[in-house]
């Protein structure tokens, strides 16, 4: 092979032009279902082109599902991904007392035993299927609003999940969530990740459901890795959510809930051998309709798809 062509292919690999993971496109996503039901709406075409057709993580948060229902759901997704020849990415979001500070996605229906049973069912059903799991967005960054007992429980449950996926689902790439660059210091986050079992995980995720630009987010991730090396001799892979960071963050305090003026970001790609970007927060799905700490800008309840929000993200308004 011509040396110039070989060098181009190698460099492209690290720029994200080739070799990026081919993630699953969910035909039943909230955006895809809206497009299907509203074909005559002039917004349907841009939403389909710019959001519904882009590989995006699937959020698993219905901890009250029966084991049978959860098993059927995961089995169905695995079968669909096999047909597409794509790789699934799940967001596992079911810890007790989740979103204790923001409250927009709070759910107090879980307890320790329910959570362990839920994780057991997930891990057993996934089995040896290759996929990516983003484990508990904000759980470590948002831990200060819990009591000491609740913090201990949370760390134990995250460790439990990491260990269970490692033993029962050995082909799963588990990323512990590390919040975002403006939440806690890199050293504090590294210490939290160590406590939560990062040594047995594949990596950590950043910027989920947030808007911070990729480059400074990656710098924050590299700083975390530096502390992980110093404190525990660990180096981790990094996953960055770019679904809504095209314009970066607004810079206003507590402007995380359906922030205006944001824009969809780069599509999923591999920045390097150890750094990936992905669409983890589905664009157009609301961050919530109320939070004691933020203005939600009239959005519907958390997780509900809004064509108005979707178009604002497409247009950067």
Protein backbone atom coordinates (compact mmCIF):
# COMPACT_ATOMS: atom_id res chain seq x y z
CA UNK A 1 0.00 0.00 0.00
CA UNK A 2 1.22 3.53 -0.81
CA UNK A 3 2.77 5.05 2.33
CA UNK A 4 0.82 8.31 1.93
CA UNK A 5 -2.47 6.43 1.78
CA UNK A 6 -1.50 4.39 4.85
CA UNK A 7 -0.64 7.52 6.83
CA UNK A 8 -3.95 9.10 5.78
CA UNK A 9 -5.92 6.09 6.99
CA UNK A 10 -4.12 6.04 10.33
CA UNK A 11 -4.60 9.76 10.94
CA UNK A 12 -8.24 9.59 9.86
CA UNK A 13 -8.80 6.89 12.45
CA UNK A 14 -7.80 9.31 15.16
CA UNK A 15 -9.78 12.22 13.72
CA UNK A 16 -12.98 10.21 13.84
CA UNK A 17 -13.40 9.93 10.07
CA UNK A 18 -13.27 6.11 10.06
CA UNK A 19 -13.35 3.28 12.54
CA UNK A 20 -16.02 4.95 14.70
CA UNK A 21 -18.35 2.49 16.43
CA UNK A 22 -21.52 1.88 14.42
CA UNK A 23 -24.17 2.46 17.07
CA UNK A 24 -27.80 1.42 16.92
CA UNK A 25 -30.48 3.70 15.43
CA UNK A 26 -33.72 3.09 17.31
CA UNK A 27 -36.73 3.06 14.95
CA UNK A 28 -38.95 3.39 18.03
CA UNK A 29 -37.17 6.40 19.53
CA UNK A 30 -39.35 9.29 20.65
CA UNK A 31 -38.19 11.43 17.74
CA UNK A 32 -38.75 8.66 15.18
CA UNK A 33 -42.24 7.98 16.51
CA UNK A 34 -43.09 11.69 16.35
CA UNK A 35 -41.90 11.86 12.73
CA UNK A 36 -43.94 8.78 11.82
CA UNK A 37 -47.10 10.29 13.32
CA UNK A 38 -46.57 13.77 11.88
CA UNK A 39 -45.34 13.20 8.31
CA UNK A 40 -47.19 16.22 6.94
CA UNK A 41 -45.68 18.56 9.53
CA UNK A 42 -42.93 20.68 7.89
CA UNK A 43 -40.73 19.96 10.91
CA UNK A 44 -40.82 16.20 10.29
CA UNK A 45 -38.16 16.19 7.54
CA UNK A 46 -35.48 18.18 9.43
CA UNK A 47 -36.16 16.27 12.65
CA UNK A 48 -35.85 12.96 10.84
CA UNK A 49 -32.68 13.99 9.00
CA UNK A 50 -30.91 15.71 11.89
CA UNK A 51 -32.09 13.76 14.97
CA UNK A 52 -34.17 10.61 14.42
CA UNK A 53 -31.68 9.07 11.97
CA UNK A 54 -28.64 9.65 14.21
CA UNK A 55 -27.47 6.78 16.50
CA UNK A 56 -28.46 7.74 20.04
CA UNK A 57 -28.28 5.97 23.40
CA UNK A 58 -31.35 4.23 24.79
CA UNK A 59 -32.21 5.13 28.38
CA UNK A 60 -33.27 2.37 30.77
CA UNK A 61 -34.94 3.87 33.82
CA UNK A 62 -38.17 1.93 34.41
CA UNK A 63 -37.02 0.11 37.49
CA UNK A 64 -40.60 -0.92 38.31
CA UNK A 65 -40.76 -3.19 35.26
CA UNK A 66 -41.09 -6.89 35.96
CA UNK A 67 -38.09 -9.10 35.26
CA UNK A 68 -40.06 -10.61 32.36
CA UNK A 69 -40.81 -7.19 30.83
CA UNK A 70 -37.20 -6.05 31.14
CA UNK A 71 -35.86 -9.29 29.70
CA UNK A 72 -38.22 -9.04 26.72
CA UNK A 73 -37.27 -5.42 26.11
CA UNK A 74 -33.52 -6.07 26.14
CA UNK A 75 -33.83 -9.24 24.07
CA UNK A 76 -35.82 -7.31 21.45
CA UNK A 77 -33.23 -4.55 21.26
CA UNK A 78 -30.43 -7.10 20.87
CA UNK A 79 -32.28 -8.77 18.01
CA UNK A 80 -32.89 -5.44 16.26
CA UNK A 81 -29.23 -4.43 16.61
CA UNK A 82 -28.12 -7.75 15.16
CA UNK A 83 -30.31 -7.10 12.10
CA UNK A 84 -28.85 -3.61 11.72
CA UNK A 85 -25.34 -4.94 12.36
CA UNK A 86 -24.93 -2.15 14.90
CA UNK A 87 -23.90 -1.90 18.54
CA UNK A 88 -26.33 -0.94 21.30
CA UNK A 89 -25.65 1.82 23.79
CA UNK A 90 -27.77 1.79 26.94
CA UNK A 91 -27.91 4.40 29.68
CA UNK A 92 -28.66 2.72 33.01
CA UNK A 93 -30.46 5.30 35.15
CA UNK A 94 -32.29 3.82 38.12
CA UNK A 95 -30.45 4.48 41.37
CA UNK A 96 -32.41 5.36 44.50
CA UNK A 97 -32.62 9.12 45.13
CA UNK A 98 -31.46 10.00 41.63
CA UNK A 99 -31.33 13.68 40.61
CA UNK A 100 -31.53 14.70 44.25
CA UNK A 101 -30.46 18.29 43.58
CA UNK A 102 -32.12 19.12 40.26
CA UNK A 103 -35.30 17.08 40.93
CA UNK A 104 -36.45 17.32 37.29
CA UNK A 105 -35.80 13.57 36.78
CA UNK A 106 -36.19 12.48 40.38
CA UNK A 107 -37.69 9.06 41.09
CA UNK A 108 -37.90 7.72 44.62
CA UNK A 109 -39.54 4.41 43.72
CA UNK A 110 -36.27 2.45 43.79
CA UNK A 111 -34.64 0.87 46.80
CA UNK A 112 -31.42 -1.09 47.24
CA UNK A 113 -32.87 -4.54 46.65
CA UNK A 114 -34.98 -3.48 43.66
CA UNK A 115 -31.94 -1.92 42.09
CA UNK A 116 -29.79 -5.02 42.56
CA UNK A 117 -32.51 -7.23 41.08
CA UNK A 118 -32.84 -4.84 38.13
CA UNK A 119 -29.08 -4.90 37.50
CA UNK A 120 -29.00 -8.69 37.84
CA UNK A 121 -31.72 -9.03 35.20
CA UNK A 122 -29.97 -6.63 32.86
CA UNK A 123 -26.59 -8.32 33.19
CA UNK A 124 -28.00 -11.83 32.80
CA UNK A 125 -30.06 -10.87 29.74
CA UNK A 126 -27.21 -9.03 28.01
CA UNK A 127 -24.95 -12.03 28.67
CA UNK A 128 -22.10 -12.06 26.14
CA UNK A 129 -23.60 -9.45 23.76
CA UNK A 130 -21.17 -6.68 22.88
CA UNK A 131 -22.53 -3.24 23.77
CA UNK A 132 -21.83 -0.01 25.66
CA UNK A 133 -23.41 0.95 28.97
CA UNK A 134 -23.32 4.43 30.46
CA UNK A 135 -23.81 3.85 34.17
CA UNK A 136 -25.90 6.29 36.20
CA UNK A 137 -25.54 9.83 34.84
CA UNK A 138 -24.81 12.46 37.53
CA UNK A 139 -24.70 9.84 40.30
CA UNK A 140 -21.20 10.77 41.47
CA UNK A 141 -21.20 14.47 40.67
CA UNK A 142 -24.58 14.93 42.39
CA UNK A 143 -23.80 12.94 45.52
CA UNK A 144 -23.40 15.87 47.93
CA UNK A 145 -27.19 16.28 48.32
CA UNK A 146 -27.44 12.84 49.94
CA UNK A 147 -27.01 11.88 53.57
CA UNK A 148 -23.87 9.99 54.57
CA UNK A 149 -25.83 6.74 54.66
CA UNK A 150 -27.31 7.41 51.23
CA UNK A 151 -23.87 8.26 49.80
CA UNK A 152 -22.48 4.99 51.09
CA UNK A 153 -25.42 3.10 49.61
CA UNK A 154 -24.93 4.80 46.24
CA UNK A 155 -21.23 3.98 46.04
CA UNK A 156 -21.95 0.38 47.03
CA UNK A 157 -24.67 0.04 44.39
CA UNK A 158 -22.49 1.46 41.62
CA UNK A 159 -19.74 -0.97 42.60
CA UNK A 160 -22.30 -3.76 42.58
CA UNK A 161 -23.40 -2.85 39.04
CA UNK A 162 -19.83 -2.59 37.74
CA UNK A 163 -18.96 -5.97 39.24
CA UNK A 164 -22.13 -7.63 37.98
CA UNK A 165 -21.63 -6.44 34.40
CA UNK A 166 -17.97 -7.47 34.49
CA UNK A 167 -18.78 -11.03 35.55
CA UNK A 168 -22.11 -11.66 33.82
CA UNK A 169 -21.73 -9.44 30.72
CA UNK A 170 -18.01 -9.63 29.88
CA UNK A 171 -18.35 -7.97 26.46
CA UNK A 172 -19.97 -4.80 27.80
CA UNK A 173 -18.03 -1.54 27.81
CA UNK A 174 -19.11 0.11 31.08
CA UNK A 175 -18.55 3.84 31.48
CA UNK A 176 -19.07 5.35 34.93
CA UNK A 177 -20.47 8.83 34.66
CA UNK A 178 -18.21 11.68 35.78
CA UNK A 179 -20.58 14.65 35.47
CA UNK A 180 -19.33 17.69 33.58
CA UNK A 181 -16.41 20.10 33.62
CA UNK A 182 -18.22 22.72 35.72
CA UNK A 183 -19.54 20.48 38.50
CA UNK A 184 -16.69 19.19 40.68
CA UNK A 185 -12.90 19.38 40.43
CA UNK A 186 -11.01 16.77 38.44
CA UNK A 187 -9.29 15.49 41.56
CA UNK A 188 -12.56 15.13 43.47
CA UNK A 189 -14.15 13.30 40.55
CA UNK A 190 -11.14 10.98 40.25
CA UNK A 191 -11.49 10.10 43.93
CA UNK A 192 -15.21 9.40 43.47
CA UNK A 193 -14.56 7.22 40.42
CA UNK A 194 -11.98 5.20 42.34
CA UNK A 195 -14.47 4.63 45.17
CA UNK A 196 -17.14 3.60 42.65
CA UNK A 197 -15.00 0.90 41.00
CA UNK A 198 -13.45 2.58 37.96
CA UNK A 199 -10.64 0.00 37.96
CA UNK A 200 -13.16 -2.63 36.85
CA UNK A 201 -14.95 -0.40 34.32
CA UNK A 202 -13.95 0.43 30.75
CA UNK A 203 -14.01 4.19 31.22
CA UNK A 204 -15.94 7.26 32.30
CA UNK A 205 -18.46 9.50 30.53
CA UNK A 206 -18.72 13.29 30.51
CA UNK A 207 -21.19 16.05 29.62
CA UNK A 208 -24.30 13.85 29.58
CA UNK A 209 -27.40 15.99 29.00
CA UNK A 210 -25.21 19.08 29.11
CA UNK A 211 -23.86 21.54 26.58
CA UNK A 212 -20.15 22.09 27.24
CA UNK A 213 -17.91 22.12 24.17
CA UNK A 214 -15.89 19.02 23.37
CA UNK A 215 -12.34 20.37 23.63
CA UNK A 216 -12.54 21.79 27.17
CA UNK A 217 -14.54 18.73 28.22
CA UNK A 218 -11.76 16.49 26.96
CA UNK A 219 -9.20 18.57 28.86
CA UNK A 220 -11.24 17.99 32.02
CA UNK A 221 -11.31 14.27 31.22
CA UNK A 222 -7.56 14.20 30.74
CA UNK A 223 -7.12 15.96 34.09
CA UNK A 224 -9.29 13.27 35.72
CA UNK A 225 -7.13 10.59 34.13
CA UNK A 226 -4.00 12.26 35.46
CA UNK A 227 -5.36 12.04 39.00
CA UNK A 228 -6.56 8.48 38.43
CA UNK A 229 -3.01 7.56 37.50
CA UNK A 230 -1.51 9.36 40.48
CA UNK A 231 -4.02 8.02 43.01
CA UNK A 232 -4.76 4.51 41.74
CA UNK A 233 -2.50 3.75 38.79
CA UNK A 234 -5.55 3.69 36.50
CA UNK A 235 -6.02 5.10 32.99
CA UNK A 236 -9.56 5.11 31.63
CA UNK A 237 -11.24 5.54 28.28
CA UNK A 238 -13.48 8.59 27.84
CA UNK A 239 -16.95 9.03 26.30
CA UNK A 240 -18.26 12.57 25.67
CA UNK A 241 -21.90 13.42 25.00
CA UNK A 242 -22.00 15.80 22.01
CA UNK A 243 -25.73 15.62 21.28
CA UNK A 244 -26.39 19.22 22.32
CA UNK A 245 -22.99 20.93 22.54
CA UNK A 246 -22.78 22.47 19.06
CA UNK A 247 -22.90 26.00 20.47
CA UNK A 248 -21.28 25.17 23.79
CA UNK A 249 -22.90 26.05 27.11
CA UNK A 250 -24.61 29.39 27.70
CA UNK A 251 -22.29 30.36 30.53
CA UNK A 252 -25.23 31.32 32.73
CA UNK A 253 -25.45 29.74 36.20
CA UNK A 254 -27.75 26.70 36.54
CA UNK A 255 -28.77 26.90 32.88
CA UNK A 256 -29.02 23.15 32.30
CA UNK A 257 -32.78 22.64 31.90
CA UNK A 258 -33.76 23.01 28.23
CA UNK A 259 -31.21 25.80 27.83
CA UNK A 260 -32.03 28.14 24.94
CA UNK A 261 -29.60 28.95 22.14
CA UNK A 262 -28.02 25.49 22.20
CA UNK A 263 -27.43 23.35 19.13
CA UNK A 264 -26.91 19.70 18.20
CA UNK A 265 -23.24 18.79 18.14
CA UNK A 266 -20.94 16.49 16.19
CA UNK A 267 -22.29 13.06 15.40
CA UNK A 268 -20.76 10.03 17.14
CA UNK A 269 -17.11 9.48 16.27
CA UNK A 270 -13.81 8.27 17.64
CA UNK A 271 -11.50 11.15 18.50
CA UNK A 272 -8.67 8.74 19.34
CA UNK A 273 -8.09 5.16 20.38
CA UNK A 274 -9.29 6.01 23.91
CA UNK A 275 -11.76 8.87 23.38
CA UNK A 276 -15.19 8.60 21.77
CA UNK A 277 -18.09 10.96 21.32
CA UNK A 278 -21.71 9.84 21.19
CA UNK A 279 -25.24 11.17 21.35
CA UNK A 280 -26.28 10.11 24.82
CA UNK A 281 -29.03 12.60 25.68
CA UNK A 282 -31.67 12.31 22.90
CA UNK A 283 -32.00 15.81 21.39
CA UNK A 284 -35.53 17.12 21.63
CA UNK A 285 -36.35 15.19 24.79
CA UNK A 286 -37.05 17.59 27.61
CA UNK A 287 -34.81 17.95 30.66
CA UNK A 288 -37.92 18.53 32.74
CA UNK A 289 -40.81 20.89 33.38
CA UNK A 290 -39.69 22.07 36.81
CA UNK A 291 -36.59 22.31 38.95
CA UNK A 292 -36.03 24.27 42.16
CA UNK A 293 -32.56 25.14 40.89
CA UNK A 294 -33.19 26.08 37.25
CA UNK A 295 -35.56 27.60 34.70
CA UNK A 296 -36.85 24.79 32.46
CA UNK A 297 -38.06 27.25 29.79
CA UNK A 298 -41.53 25.79 29.50
CA UNK A 299 -40.38 22.31 28.60
CA UNK A 300 -42.62 19.26 29.08
CA UNK A 301 -41.84 16.60 31.68
CA UNK A 302 -38.38 15.02 31.66
CA UNK A 303 -37.89 12.59 28.77
CA UNK A 304 -40.91 13.76 26.75
CA UNK A 305 -40.09 14.60 23.13
CA UNK A 306 -40.87 18.14 22.04
CA UNK A 307 -40.67 19.13 18.36
CA UNK A 308 -40.25 22.73 19.47
CA UNK A 309 -37.15 21.85 21.50
CA UNK A 310 -35.86 19.69 18.66
CA UNK A 311 -36.14 22.48 16.09
CA UNK A 312 -34.43 24.95 18.41
CA UNK A 313 -31.50 22.53 18.69
CA UNK A 314 -31.38 22.00 14.93
CA UNK A 315 -31.43 25.75 14.28
CA UNK A 316 -29.31 26.75 17.27
CA UNK A 317 -31.99 29.00 18.73
